[in-house]
Every structure is written in structure tokens, then in C-alpha cells.
Amino acid sequence: MILKKALSGRNVAGMAILVVLVAFPLLRPPVYFTSFIFTVFMYVSLAASWNYIGGYAGYLSFGHVAFFGIGAYTTALVTKALSLSPIGTIFSALLGGGVASLIAVIIGFPTLRLRGPYFAVITMCFAFVVQLLVQNLDVLGGADGLWMKTMDLPIEISRAVMYELMLILMVATTITSILLDKSKFGMGLRAIKEDEDVGQTMAINAPVLKIQAFALSAFFPGIAGGFYAYYLTYIHPDIVFNVNISILIVLMALFGGGGTWLGPILGATILTIVNEGLSTFMKAEIARIIYGCLFIVVIVFMPNGMMEFFRKKAKKVVETGEST
């Protein structure tokens, strides 16, 4: 009964937060706040989707920005080629997610045979290769980038529309995380993370599960990249293939707690706020140093993230109380 009440209370709180977020643009806040929360939604979606392969399966991908950029360029090219309306752009963003998933499957077959740092390095190299390829193809805009047609609406309304779209994507990513967390699929990925060889002896088809998780983790960044492209109305390889985005995604997921559905949400929200503060009040070089120190702190003192850290603290408090 107590567990049911706690779960129902958590559901009510979640719905209340969602209602507030949906209604936020109706308050007509300054464009800055709408844009900032849009960024929070985007990073939550990216961190939560990275968690499918990095958190649950333990395959740390440092090249997920490639799928983000692929989604952005797919959306831009399809929108320009077909002269799509804003509604049509939504479908082109979904197509971007599909293309990103397809490419994840193609590169996943050879790369997911690697483990540990080898996989991390090869995925980062993949992101660099895709960026160089895009920069040198004139059909993709080359080093000049691509412009997209803006919405024929006031900036407050256009920003509110993109805000709601990214909110929907964040909710979809979160629901997928919750379902995966409670499914046999998620249990299989956890078994792979613990010991892949032992998992295969227990009839877990590790190669198939890894490919599926990798494709799923690429789908949502592809859509996010499409929305981001239309949000900016201009994309450039240096923007959408920036390796710092990959590092941020990994740091956010690990900081909150990889392998849990709530951890990446907390990590992405907190670190997006920190990133905004650092970018506003400090130089870029100092911000990078601070992020590097944060990465070291997380790996050394909170290897399983905030969720596990506070869970252990709470358990010690309970055990201390019972012993006294």
C-alpha cells in the first residue's frame, strides 16, 4: 500500500510538472527563458536516449553528436528540396531520426564488436569523419552551411511552437526510458553491461540487443537535430557536429546516473543550467576546465551517478537509525 501511494504520488507530481511546462509559453515569458528551457528539453532527450546504449548496455559512445547532426542535415535538405511547411518539417525531422537509426545499424555491426575504450574512440572518430564529409560536400552546403525558411510568425510564437515540439520529444524519450527500464530488453542490456560473455551463455542474444539499443539511441537525437535545425533556421557542421555536445551528453547521463531512467533527466537539467551560467559569466576556456574537473569528480566519487550516490547515503542513514 505504501509503495502504491508513493508511486501514485510520483505520477501526480510528474503530471503536474508536465502541465506547468506545457502551459509555460502561455504566460508569455521573455524569449530567452523559452529558448533556455527548449535547450534543457533537448539535452534531456539527448542524454536519455544516449543512456539506452551507454547507461544500460555500458557501451560509452562519444560520437552521438553525429546522429544529432545527421538528423539536422536530413531535415534541412528534405525541407528545402520539397519546400515543406512547418508541419511538413515535423515529418522531415522524423525522417531524420530514421536515417540516423539506419546509419547507427550500419556502423553498429562492426563497431559494437569492440568494447571499452576502443568503442569510445571509434565512435568519436566516426563523428569527426561525418563532420569532415559534410564540410566537403557542396550539396550539403559545405563550409557555408545551410539556411532554412523561417516560420511566418512573430518570434515569440515560433519559439513557443518549437518549445512544445521539443517538450513532446522529451516526453517520448522519457516514456521510452521508463518502458525500457522495466522490460526484458532492459534486463538483457543490463546483463550485457555486467558481463557480456556470461549473458550470452544465458541465451541473451547480445549482438542483436546491442544493435537495437544503438539504433534506438540514435533515433531520438536524429529527431532532436531536426527540430534544432528548424529552431536555428541555419545549420553549420561546426554547430551540429560539435564534439562538445557528445561530451556533454555523456557527462549529463553519468552525472545523473546511467542505467536509470531518472538519472539522465536530473543530470541534463542540472548541467544545462550550470553550462548556461558558465557560458554567460566565464570564458570558454575556463568553462572547459571546470567541465573537465566535473568529469573527474563524477568518475572518481560518483561512478554510478547522483542516483546511486544518494541511494547509498539514504541506506546508510536508515541502517544507522535501525541500529540505534
C-alpha atoms as a PDB file:
ATOM      1  CA  MET A   1       0.000   0.000   0.000  1.00  0.00           C
ATOM      2  CA  ILE A   2       2.789   2.424   0.929  1.00  0.00           C
ATOM      3  CA  LEU A   3       4.601   1.636  -2.337  1.00  0.00           C
ATOM      4  CA  LYS A   4       1.422   2.167  -4.342  1.00  0.00           C
ATOM      5  CA  LYS A   5       0.833   5.505  -2.632  1.00  0.00           C
ATOM      6  CA  ALA A   6       4.411   6.582  -3.320  1.00  0.00           C
ATOM      7  CA  LEU A   7       4.118   5.600  -6.978  1.00  0.00           C
ATOM      8  CA  SER A   8       0.768   7.338  -7.369  1.00  0.00           C
ATOM      9  CA  GLY A   9       2.180  10.425  -5.660  1.00  0.00           C
ATOM     10  CA  ARG A  10       5.132  10.406  -8.033  1.00  0.00           C
ATOM     11  CA  ASN A  11       2.793  10.090 -11.027  1.00  0.00           C
ATOM     12  CA  VAL A  12       0.688  13.016  -9.821  1.00  0.00           C
ATOM     13  CA  ALA A  13       3.797  15.143  -9.311  1.00  0.00           C
ATOM     14  CA  GLY A  14       5.048  14.198 -12.782  1.00  0.00           C
ATOM     15  CA  MET A  15       1.742  15.123 -14.402  1.00  0.00           C
ATOM     16  CA  ALA A  16       1.660  18.430 -12.521  1.00  0.00           C
ATOM     17  CA  ILE A  17       5.169  19.302 -13.730  1.00  0.00           C
ATOM     18  CA  LEU A  18       4.193  18.359 -17.285  1.00  0.00           C
ATOM     19  CA  VAL A  19       1.086  20.562 -17.186  1.00  0.00           C
ATOM     20  CA  VAL A  20       3.152  23.506 -15.930  1.00  0.00           C
ATOM     21  CA  LEU A  21       5.739  23.004 -18.691  1.00  0.00           C
ATOM     22  CA  VAL A  22       3.070  22.764 -21.397  1.00  0.00           C
ATOM     23  CA  ALA A  23       1.361  25.932 -20.149  1.00  0.00           C
ATOM     24  CA  PHE A  24       4.582  27.929 -19.642  1.00  0.00           C
ATOM     25  CA  PRO A  25       4.572  29.683 -23.072  1.00  0.00           C
ATOM     26  CA  LEU A  26       1.017  30.880 -22.384  1.00  0.00           C
ATOM     27  CA  LEU A  27       2.462  33.151 -19.685  1.00  0.00           C
ATOM     28  CA  ARG A  28       4.314  34.996 -22.455  1.00  0.00           C
ATOM     29  CA  PRO A  29       7.747  34.882 -20.796  1.00  0.00           C
ATOM     30  CA  PRO A  30      10.776  36.597 -22.356  1.00  0.00           C
ATOM     31  CA  VAL A  31      12.085  34.736 -25.412  1.00  0.00           C
ATOM     32  CA  TYR A  32      15.320  33.992 -23.535  1.00  0.00           C
ATOM     33  CA  PHE A  33      13.567  31.774 -20.986  1.00  0.00           C
ATOM     34  CA  THR A  34      11.581  29.918 -23.647  1.00  0.00           C
ATOM     35  CA  SER A  35      14.795  29.289 -25.588  1.00  0.00           C
ATOM     36  CA  PHE A  36      16.679  28.206 -22.476  1.00  0.00           C
ATOM     37  CA  ILE A  37      14.046  25.656 -21.442  1.00  0.00           C
ATOM     38  CA  PHE A  38      13.962  24.439 -25.063  1.00  0.00           C
ATOM     39  CA  THR A  39      17.694  23.718 -24.650  1.00  0.00           C
ATOM     40  CA  VAL A  40      17.028  21.848 -21.406  1.00  0.00           C
ATOM     41  CA  PHE A  41      14.423  19.672 -23.171  1.00  0.00           C
ATOM     42  CA  MET A  42      16.872  18.984 -25.991  1.00  0.00           C
ATOM     43  CA  TYR A  43      19.672  17.872 -23.684  1.00  0.00           C
ATOM     44  CA  VAL A  44      17.319  15.724 -21.602  1.00  0.00           C
ATOM     45  CA  SER A  45      16.255  13.972 -24.820  1.00  0.00           C
ATOM     46  CA  LEU A  46      19.871  13.507 -25.919  1.00  0.00           C
ATOM     47  CA  ALA A  47      21.110  12.251 -22.528  1.00  0.00           C
ATOM     48  CA  ALA A  48      18.133   9.922 -22.002  1.00  0.00           C
ATOM     49  CA  SER A  49      18.490   8.387 -25.473  1.00  0.00           C
ATOM     50  CA  TRP A  50      22.279   8.003 -25.093  1.00  0.00           C
ATOM     51  CA  ASN A  51      21.512   6.131 -21.876  1.00  0.00           C
ATOM     52  CA  TYR A  52      19.926   3.271 -23.874  1.00  0.00           C
ATOM     53  CA  ILE A  53      23.326   2.173 -25.173  1.00  0.00           C
ATOM     54  CA  GLY A  54      25.712   3.918 -22.777  1.00  0.00           C
ATOM     55  CA  GLY A  55      23.919   3.529 -19.463  1.00  0.00           C
ATOM     56  CA  TYR A  56      22.048   0.241 -19.772  1.00  0.00           C
ATOM     57  CA  ALA A  57      24.436  -1.672 -22.059  1.00  0.00           C
ATOM     58  CA  GLY A  58      27.633   0.008 -20.849  1.00  0.00           C
ATOM     59  CA  TYR A  59      28.886   0.945 -24.339  1.00  0.00           C
ATOM     60  CA  LEU A  60      30.129   4.518 -23.912  1.00  0.00           C
ATOM     61  CA  SER A  61      29.545   6.245 -27.235  1.00  0.00           C
ATOM     62  CA  PHE A  62      31.345   9.576 -27.667  1.00  0.00           C
ATOM     63  CA  GLY A  63      30.036  10.056 -31.184  1.00  0.00           C
ATOM     64  CA  HIS A  64      26.319  10.550 -30.631  1.00  0.00           C
ATOM     65  CA  VAL A  65      26.575  14.108 -31.900  1.00  0.00           C
ATOM     66  CA  ALA A  66      26.940  12.525 -35.361  1.00  0.00           C
ATOM     67  CA  PHE A  67      23.339  11.277 -35.189  1.00  0.00           C
ATOM     68  CA  PHE A  68      22.220  14.706 -33.981  1.00  0.00           C
ATOM     69  CA  GLY A  69      23.920  16.346 -36.962  1.00  0.00           C
ATOM     70  CA  ILE A  70      22.648  13.727 -39.419  1.00  0.00           C
ATOM     71  CA  GLY A  71      19.099  14.433 -38.274  1.00  0.00           C
ATOM     72  CA  ALA A  72      19.669  18.179 -38.634  1.00  0.00           C
ATOM     73  CA  TYR A  73      21.016  17.925 -42.185  1.00  0.00           C
ATOM     74  CA  THR A  74      18.386  15.399 -43.273  1.00  0.00           C
ATOM     75  CA  THR A  75      15.629  17.729 -42.067  1.00  0.00           C
ATOM     76  CA  ALA A  76      17.211  20.769 -43.723  1.00  0.00           C
ATOM     77  CA  LEU A  77      17.751  19.035 -47.070  1.00  0.00           C
ATOM     78  CA  VAL A  78      14.270  17.481 -47.226  1.00  0.00           C
ATOM     79  CA  THR A  79      12.593  20.712 -46.135  1.00  0.00           C
ATOM     80  CA  LYS A  80      14.447  22.767 -48.754  1.00  0.00           C
ATOM     81  CA  ALA A  81      14.029  20.203 -51.550  1.00  0.00           C
ATOM     82  CA  LEU A  82      10.277  19.793 -51.016  1.00  0.00           C
ATOM     83  CA  SER A  83       9.588  23.353 -49.791  1.00  0.00           C
ATOM     84  CA  LEU A  84       7.800  21.926 -46.756  1.00  0.00           C
ATOM     85  CA  SER A  85       5.626  23.922 -44.397  1.00  0.00           C
ATOM     86  CA  PRO A  86       6.333  23.938 -40.632  1.00  0.00           C
ATOM     87  CA  ILE A  87       4.009  20.914 -40.272  1.00  0.00           C
ATOM     88  CA  GLY A  88       5.907  19.123 -43.017  1.00  0.00           C
ATOM     89  CA  THR A  89       9.150  19.877 -41.205  1.00  0.00           C
ATOM     90  CA  ILE A  90       7.951  17.722 -38.302  1.00  0.00           C
ATOM     91  CA  PHE A  91       7.737  14.733 -40.641  1.00  0.00           C
ATOM     92  CA  SER A  92      11.157  15.532 -42.111  1.00  0.00           C
ATOM     93  CA  ALA A  93      12.557  15.531 -38.555  1.00  0.00           C
ATOM     94  CA  LEU A  94      11.054  12.056 -38.039  1.00  0.00           C
ATOM     95  CA  LEU A  95      12.738  11.047 -41.290  1.00  0.00           C
ATOM     96  CA  GLY A  96      15.980  12.433 -39.868  1.00  0.00           C
ATOM     97  CA  GLY A  97      15.560  10.151 -36.877  1.00  0.00           C
ATOM     98  CA  GLY A  98      15.001   7.196 -39.188  1.00  0.00           C
ATOM     99  CA  VAL A  99      18.113   7.989 -41.242  1.00  0.00           C
ATOM    100  CA  ALA A 100      20.168   8.335 -38.046  1.00  0.00           C
ATOM    101  CA  SER A 101      18.912   4.925 -36.860  1.00  0.00           C
ATOM    102  CA  LEU A 102      19.730   3.315 -40.203  1.00  0.00           C
ATOM    103  CA  ILE A 103      23.282   4.662 -40.106  1.00  0.00           C
ATOM    104  CA  ALA A 104      23.597   3.505 -36.484  1.00  0.00           C
ATOM    105  CA  VAL A 105      22.703  -0.027 -37.605  1.00  0.00           C
ATOM    106  CA  ILE A 106      25.232   0.120 -40.450  1.00  0.00           C
ATOM    107  CA  ILE A 107      28.138   1.291 -38.295  1.00  0.00           C
ATOM    108  CA  GLY A 108      26.944  -0.713 -35.300  1.00  0.00           C
ATOM    109  CA  PHE A 109      27.639  -4.094 -36.902  1.00  0.00           C
ATOM    110  CA  PRO A 110      31.438  -3.605 -36.981  1.00  0.00           C
ATOM    111  CA  THR A 111      31.902  -1.159 -34.073  1.00  0.00           C
ATOM    112  CA  LEU A 112      29.801  -2.952 -31.443  1.00  0.00           C
ATOM    113  CA  ARG A 113      32.224  -5.860 -31.643  1.00  0.00           C
ATOM    114  CA  LEU A 114      34.658  -3.559 -29.823  1.00  0.00           C
ATOM    115  CA  ARG A 115      34.434  -2.900 -26.115  1.00  0.00           C
ATOM    116  CA  GLY A 116      35.510  -0.323 -23.555  1.00  0.00           C
ATOM    117  CA  PRO A 117      37.818   2.494 -24.703  1.00  0.00           C
ATOM    118  CA  TYR A 118      38.098   1.024 -28.208  1.00  0.00           C
ATOM    119  CA  PHE A 119      34.368   1.557 -28.804  1.00  0.00           C
ATOM    120  CA  ALA A 120      34.506   5.055 -27.258  1.00  0.00           C
ATOM    121  CA  VAL A 121      37.390   6.107 -29.517  1.00  0.00           C
ATOM    122  CA  ILE A 122      35.928   4.643 -32.714  1.00  0.00           C
ATOM    123  CA  THR A 123      32.571   6.379 -32.159  1.00  0.00           C
ATOM    124  CA  MET A 124      34.309   9.712 -31.585  1.00  0.00           C
ATOM    125  CA  CYS A 125      36.296   9.181 -34.788  1.00  0.00           C
ATOM    126  CA  PHE A 126      33.022   8.431 -36.587  1.00  0.00           C
ATOM    127  CA  ALA A 127      31.661  11.834 -35.523  1.00  0.00           C
ATOM    128  CA  PHE A 128      34.795  13.595 -36.824  1.00  0.00           C
ATOM    129  CA  VAL A 129      34.618  11.719 -40.137  1.00  0.00           C
ATOM    130  CA  VAL A 130      30.951  12.644 -40.672  1.00  0.00           C
ATOM    131  CA  GLN A 131      31.720  16.290 -39.909  1.00  0.00           C
ATOM    132  CA  LEU A 132      34.600  16.368 -42.402  1.00  0.00           C
ATOM    133  CA  LEU A 133      32.446  14.663 -45.021  1.00  0.00           C
ATOM    134  CA  VAL A 134      29.656  17.219 -44.644  1.00  0.00           C
ATOM    135  CA  GLN A 135      32.121  20.126 -44.755  1.00  0.00           C
ATOM    136  CA  ASN A 136      33.492  18.938 -48.096  1.00  0.00           C
ATOM    137  CA  LEU A 137      30.232  18.190 -49.908  1.00  0.00           C
ATOM    138  CA  ASP A 138      28.763  21.167 -51.771  1.00  0.00           C
ATOM    139  CA  VAL A 139      25.350  19.507 -51.962  1.00  0.00           C
ATOM    140  CA  LEU A 140      25.241  19.707 -48.153  1.00  0.00           C
ATOM    141  CA  GLY A 141      26.250  23.351 -48.113  1.00  0.00           C
ATOM    142  CA  GLY A 142      29.913  22.612 -47.473  1.00  0.00           C
ATOM    143  CA  ALA A 143      31.696  25.022 -45.159  1.00  0.00           C
ATOM    144  CA  ASP A 144      28.958  27.639 -45.729  1.00  0.00           C
ATOM    145  CA  GLY A 145      26.203  25.630 -44.047  1.00  0.00           C
ATOM    146  CA  LEU A 146      22.510  25.624 -44.937  1.00  0.00           C
ATOM    147  CA  TRP A 147      19.750  28.173 -44.403  1.00  0.00           C
ATOM    148  CA  MET A 148      16.139  27.179 -43.778  1.00  0.00           C
ATOM    149  CA  LYS A 149      12.944  29.125 -44.247  1.00  0.00           C
ATOM    150  CA  THR A 150      11.654  30.621 -41.011  1.00  0.00           C
ATOM    151  CA  MET A 151       8.091  30.440 -39.754  1.00  0.00           C
ATOM    152  CA  ASP A 152       5.954  33.340 -40.916  1.00  0.00           C
ATOM    153  CA  LEU A 153       5.113  34.119 -37.289  1.00  0.00           C
ATOM    154  CA  PRO A 154       6.290  36.501 -34.556  1.00  0.00           C
ATOM    155  CA  ILE A 155       9.428  35.208 -32.844  1.00  0.00           C
ATOM    156  CA  GLU A 156       7.589  34.617 -29.533  1.00  0.00           C
ATOM    157  CA  ILE A 157       5.081  32.293 -31.217  1.00  0.00           C
ATOM    158  CA  SER A 158       7.640  30.479 -33.376  1.00  0.00           C
ATOM    159  CA  ARG A 159       9.820  29.860 -30.308  1.00  0.00           C
ATOM    160  CA  ALA A 160       6.771  28.613 -28.386  1.00  0.00           C
ATOM    161  CA  VAL A 161       5.938  26.143 -31.192  1.00  0.00           C
ATOM    162  CA  MET A 162       9.467  24.716 -31.183  1.00  0.00           C
ATOM    163  CA  TYR A 163       9.371  24.636 -27.371  1.00  0.00           C
ATOM    164  CA  GLU A 164       6.264  22.440 -27.437  1.00  0.00           C
ATOM    165  CA  LEU A 165       7.711  20.140 -30.116  1.00  0.00           C
ATOM    166  CA  MET A 166      10.908  19.578 -28.127  1.00  0.00           C
ATOM    167  CA  LEU A 167       8.808  19.012 -24.990  1.00  0.00           C
ATOM    168  CA  ILE A 168       6.870  16.283 -26.823  1.00  0.00           C
ATOM    169  CA  LEU A 169      10.150  14.686 -27.894  1.00  0.00           C
ATOM    170  CA  MET A 170      11.478  14.813 -24.321  1.00  0.00           C
ATOM    171  CA  VAL A 171       8.305  13.151 -23.004  1.00  0.00           C
ATOM    172  CA  ALA A 172       8.504  10.464 -25.704  1.00  0.00           C
ATOM    173  CA  THR A 173      12.159   9.792 -24.853  1.00  0.00           C
ATOM    174  CA  THR A 174      11.374   9.620 -21.134  1.00  0.00           C
ATOM    175  CA  ILE A 175       8.437   7.239 -21.619  1.00  0.00           C
ATOM    176  CA  THR A 176      10.654   5.025 -23.776  1.00  0.00           C
ATOM    177  CA  SER A 177      13.265   5.051 -20.992  1.00  0.00           C
ATOM    178  CA  ILE A 178      10.687   4.023 -18.382  1.00  0.00           C
ATOM    179  CA  LEU A 179       9.369   1.204 -20.575  1.00  0.00           C
ATOM    180  CA  LEU A 180      12.887   0.017 -21.353  1.00  0.00           C
ATOM    181  CA  ASP A 181      13.832   0.143 -17.666  1.00  0.00           C
ATOM    182  CA  LYS A 182      11.034  -2.284 -16.772  1.00  0.00           C
ATOM    183  CA  SER A 183      11.276  -4.567 -19.835  1.00  0.00           C
ATOM    184  CA  LYS A 184      13.124  -7.782 -20.650  1.00  0.00           C
ATOM    185  CA  PHE A 185      15.001  -5.753 -23.243  1.00  0.00           C
ATOM    186  CA  GLY A 186      16.372  -3.520 -20.486  1.00  0.00           C
ATOM    187  CA  MET A 187      17.246  -6.523 -18.337  1.00  0.00           C
ATOM    188  CA  GLY A 188      19.147  -8.020 -21.268  1.00  0.00           C
ATOM    189  CA  LEU A 189      21.118  -4.800 -21.735  1.00  0.00           C
ATOM    190  CA  ARG A 190      21.973  -4.746 -18.028  1.00  0.00           C
ATOM    191  CA  ALA A 191      23.219  -8.335 -18.303  1.00  0.00           C
ATOM    192  CA  ILE A 192      25.451  -7.273 -21.203  1.00  0.00           C
ATOM    193  CA  LYS A 193      26.817  -4.434 -19.096  1.00  0.00           C
ATOM    194  CA  GLU A 194      27.575  -6.730 -16.155  1.00  0.00           C
ATOM    195  CA  ASP A 195      29.252  -9.487 -18.178  1.00  0.00           C
ATOM    196  CA  GLU A 196      28.512  -9.893 -21.873  1.00  0.00           C
ATOM    197  CA  ASP A 197      30.122 -13.315 -22.183  1.00  0.00           C
ATOM    198  CA  VAL A 198      28.161 -14.728 -19.246  1.00  0.00           C
ATOM    199  CA  GLY A 199      24.992 -13.136 -20.616  1.00  0.00           C
ATOM    200  CA  GLN A 200      25.404 -14.939 -23.932  1.00  0.00           C
ATOM    201  CA  THR A 201      25.725 -18.277 -22.121  1.00  0.00           C
ATOM    202  CA  MET A 202      22.310 -17.482 -20.574  1.00  0.00           C
ATOM    203  CA  ALA A 203      20.691 -17.284 -24.040  1.00  0.00           C
ATOM    204  CA  ILE A 204      20.910 -13.489 -24.297  1.00  0.00           C
ATOM    205  CA  ASN A 205      21.418 -12.529 -27.954  1.00  0.00           C
ATOM    206  CA  ALA A 206      23.905  -9.754 -27.193  1.00  0.00           C
ATOM    207  CA  PRO A 207      24.711  -8.684 -30.803  1.00  0.00           C
ATOM    208  CA  VAL A 208      21.024  -8.176 -31.665  1.00  0.00           C
ATOM    209  CA  LEU A 209      20.224  -6.361 -28.407  1.00  0.00           C
ATOM    210  CA  LYS A 210      23.196  -4.028 -28.841  1.00  0.00           C
ATOM    211  CA  ILE A 211      22.254  -3.149 -32.414  1.00  0.00           C
ATOM    212  CA  GLN A 212      18.646  -2.480 -31.368  1.00  0.00           C
ATOM    213  CA  ALA A 213      19.737  -0.306 -28.439  1.00  0.00           C
ATOM    214  CA  PHE A 214      22.213   1.594 -30.641  1.00  0.00           C
ATOM    215  CA  ALA A 215      19.583   2.236 -33.321  1.00  0.00           C
ATOM    216  CA  LEU A 216      17.039   3.359 -30.721  1.00  0.00           C
ATOM    217  CA  SER A 217      19.583   5.634 -29.068  1.00  0.00           C
ATOM    218  CA  ALA A 218      20.275   7.270 -32.461  1.00  0.00           C
ATOM    219  CA  PHE A 219      16.606   7.759 -33.405  1.00  0.00           C
ATOM    220  CA  PHE A 220      15.737  10.432 -30.846  1.00  0.00           C
ATOM    221  CA  PRO A 221      18.935  12.508 -31.360  1.00  0.00           C
ATOM    222  CA  GLY A 222      18.130  12.477 -35.087  1.00  0.00           C
ATOM    223  CA  ILE A 223      14.713  13.993 -34.389  1.00  0.00           C
ATOM    224  CA  ALA A 224      16.196  16.456 -31.885  1.00  0.00           C
ATOM    225  CA  GLY A 225      18.714  17.548 -34.520  1.00  0.00           C
ATOM    226  CA  GLY A 226      15.875  18.134 -36.985  1.00  0.00           C
ATOM    227  CA  PHE A 227      13.957  20.295 -34.528  1.00  0.00           C
ATOM    228  CA  TYR A 228      17.132  22.157 -33.609  1.00  0.00           C
ATOM    229  CA  ALA A 229      17.885  22.855 -37.270  1.00  0.00           C
ATOM    230  CA  TYR A 230      14.458  24.390 -37.795  1.00  0.00           C
ATOM    231  CA  TYR A 231      14.772  26.253 -34.499  1.00  0.00           C
ATOM    232  CA  LEU A 232      18.046  27.899 -35.599  1.00  0.00           C
ATOM    233  CA  THR A 233      16.960  28.185 -39.284  1.00  0.00           C
ATOM    234  CA  TYR A 234      20.677  27.856 -40.080  1.00  0.00           C
ATOM    235  CA  ILE A 235      22.994  24.887 -39.584  1.00  0.00           C
ATOM    236  CA  HIS A 236      26.721  24.510 -39.977  1.00  0.00           C
ATOM    237  CA  PRO A 237      28.953  21.456 -39.434  1.00  0.00           C
ATOM    238  CA  ASP A 238      30.769  23.224 -36.594  1.00  0.00           C
ATOM    239  CA  ILE A 239      27.437  23.728 -34.826  1.00  0.00           C
ATOM    240  CA  VAL A 240      25.604  20.423 -35.152  1.00  0.00           C
ATOM    241  CA  PHE A 241      28.692  18.164 -35.171  1.00  0.00           C
ATOM    242  CA  ASN A 242      30.429  19.874 -32.266  1.00  0.00           C
ATOM    243  CA  VAL A 243      32.132  17.122 -30.262  1.00  0.00           C
ATOM    244  CA  ASN A 244      31.493  19.108 -27.074  1.00  0.00           C
ATOM    245  CA  ILE A 245      27.837  18.113 -27.428  1.00  0.00           C
ATOM    246  CA  SER A 246      28.845  14.441 -27.286  1.00  0.00           C
ATOM    247  CA  ILE A 247      30.951  15.032 -24.184  1.00  0.00           C
ATOM    248  CA  LEU A 248      28.112  16.958 -22.540  1.00  0.00           C
ATOM    249  CA  ILE A 249      25.629  14.159 -23.264  1.00  0.00           C
ATOM    250  CA  VAL A 250      27.903  11.547 -21.679  1.00  0.00           C
ATOM    251  CA  LEU A 251      28.655  13.745 -18.675  1.00  0.00           C
ATOM    252  CA  MET A 252      24.974  14.521 -18.118  1.00  0.00           C
ATOM    253  CA  ALA A 253      23.905  10.875 -18.222  1.00  0.00           C
ATOM    254  CA  LEU A 254      26.741   9.687 -15.967  1.00  0.00           C
ATOM    255  CA  PHE A 255      26.334  12.619 -13.573  1.00  0.00           C
ATOM    256  CA  GLY A 256      22.652  11.841 -13.048  1.00  0.00           C
ATOM    257  CA  GLY A 257      23.051   8.069 -13.094  1.00  0.00           C
ATOM    258  CA  GLY A 258      23.475   5.856 -16.136  1.00  0.00           C
ATOM    259  CA  GLY A 259      21.258   2.800 -16.322  1.00  0.00           C
ATOM    260  CA  THR A 260      18.319   4.562 -14.654  1.00  0.00           C
ATOM    261  CA  TRP A 261      15.519   6.420 -16.397  1.00  0.00           C
ATOM    262  CA  LEU A 262      15.545   9.384 -13.971  1.00  0.00           C
ATOM    263  CA  GLY A 263      19.308   9.915 -13.775  1.00  0.00           C
ATOM    264  CA  PRO A 264      19.843  11.452 -17.250  1.00  0.00           C
ATOM    265  CA  ILE A 265      16.884  13.788 -16.699  1.00  0.00           C
ATOM    266  CA  LEU A 266      18.380  15.137 -13.468  1.00  0.00           C
ATOM    267  CA  GLY A 267      21.890  15.273 -14.901  1.00  0.00           C
ATOM    268  CA  ALA A 268      20.839  17.048 -18.091  1.00  0.00           C
ATOM    269  CA  THR A 269      18.692  19.586 -16.239  1.00  0.00           C
ATOM    270  CA  ILE A 270      21.336  20.451 -13.654  1.00  0.00           C
ATOM    271  CA  LEU A 271      24.286  20.580 -16.042  1.00  0.00           C
ATOM    272  CA  THR A 272      22.402  22.596 -18.668  1.00  0.00           C
ATOM    273  CA  ILE A 273      21.784  25.224 -16.001  1.00  0.00           C
ATOM    274  CA  VAL A 274      25.457  25.058 -14.958  1.00  0.00           C
ATOM    275  CA  ASN A 275      26.553  25.255 -18.608  1.00  0.00           C
ATOM    276  CA  GLU A 276      24.394  28.310 -19.190  1.00  0.00           C
ATOM    277  CA  GLY A 277      25.869  30.011 -16.135  1.00  0.00           C
ATOM    278  CA  LEU A 278      29.445  29.201 -17.144  1.00  0.00           C
ATOM    279  CA  SER A 279      28.865  30.317 -20.740  1.00  0.00           C
ATOM    280  CA  THR A 280      27.342  33.595 -19.550  1.00  0.00           C
ATOM    281  CA  PHE A 281      29.762  34.609 -16.800  1.00  0.00           C
ATOM    282  CA  MET A 282      33.045  32.863 -17.682  1.00  0.00           C
ATOM    283  CA  LYS A 283      35.365  32.446 -20.638  1.00  0.00           C
ATOM    284  CA  ALA A 284      35.023  29.310 -22.767  1.00  0.00           C
ATOM    285  CA  GLU A 285      38.482  28.029 -21.720  1.00  0.00           C
ATOM    286  CA  ILE A 286      37.641  28.247 -18.009  1.00  0.00           C
ATOM    287  CA  ALA A 287      34.277  26.582 -18.638  1.00  0.00           C
ATOM    288  CA  ARG A 288      36.035  23.635 -20.327  1.00  0.00           C
ATOM    289  CA  ILE A 289      38.426  23.283 -17.375  1.00  0.00           C
ATOM    290  CA  ILE A 290      35.509  23.218 -14.941  1.00  0.00           C
ATOM    291  CA  TYR A 291      33.710  20.610 -17.036  1.00  0.00           C
ATOM    292  CA  GLY A 292      36.870  18.525 -17.134  1.00  0.00           C
ATOM    293  CA  CYS A 293      37.084  18.683 -13.333  1.00  0.00           C
ATOM    294  CA  LEU A 294      33.400  17.740 -13.102  1.00  0.00           C
ATOM    295  CA  PHE A 295      34.039  14.710 -15.299  1.00  0.00           C
ATOM    296  CA  ILE A 296      36.873  13.587 -12.990  1.00  0.00           C
ATOM    297  CA  VAL A 297      34.736  14.100  -9.871  1.00  0.00           C
ATOM    298  CA  VAL A 298      31.878  12.074 -11.345  1.00  0.00           C
ATOM    299  CA  ILE A 299      34.125   9.179 -12.427  1.00  0.00           C
ATOM    300  CA  VAL A 300      36.064   9.041  -9.128  1.00  0.00           C
ATOM    301  CA  PHE A 301      33.450   9.834  -6.493  1.00  0.00           C
ATOM    302  CA  MET A 302      30.143   9.067  -8.219  1.00  0.00           C
ATOM    303  CA  PRO A 303      30.879   6.372 -10.831  1.00  0.00           C
ATOM    304  CA  ASN A 304      27.210   5.354 -10.810  1.00  0.00           C
ATOM    305  CA  GLY A 305      25.883   8.925 -10.695  1.00  0.00           C
ATOM    306  CA  MET A 306      23.796  11.004  -8.335  1.00  0.00           C
ATOM    307  CA  MET A 307      21.001   8.443  -8.089  1.00  0.00           C
ATOM    308  CA  GLU A 308      23.241   5.689  -6.721  1.00  0.00           C
ATOM    309  CA  PHE A 309      25.235   8.118  -4.547  1.00  0.00           C
ATOM    310  CA  PHE A 310      22.162   9.438  -2.736  1.00  0.00           C
ATOM    311  CA  ARG A 311      20.592   5.973  -2.592  1.00  0.00           C
ATOM    312  CA  LYS A 312      23.626   4.694  -0.680  1.00  0.00           C
ATOM    313  CA  LYS A 313      23.581   7.726   1.604  1.00  0.00           C
ATOM    314  CA  ALA A 314      19.894   7.164   2.362  1.00  0.00           C
ATOM    315  CA  LYS A 315      20.529   3.467   3.009  1.00  0.00           C
ATOM    316  CA  LYS A 316      23.299   4.290   5.491  1.00  0.00           C
ATOM    317  CA  VAL A 317      21.027   6.735   7.319  1.00  0.00           C
ATOM    318  CA  VAL A 318      18.298   4.072   7.556  1.00  0.00           C
ATOM    319  CA  GLU A 319      20.748   1.409   8.770  1.00  0.00           C
ATOM    320  CA  THR A 320      22.205   3.813  11.343  1.00  0.00           C
ATOM    321  CA  GLY A 321      18.716   4.639  12.606  1.00  0.00           C
ATOM    322  CA  GLU A 322      17.786   0.968  12.903  1.00  0.00           C
ATOM    323  CA  SER A 323      20.991   0.110  14.761  1.00  0.00           C
ATOM    324  CA  THR A 324      20.373   2.847  17.321  1.00  0.00           C
END
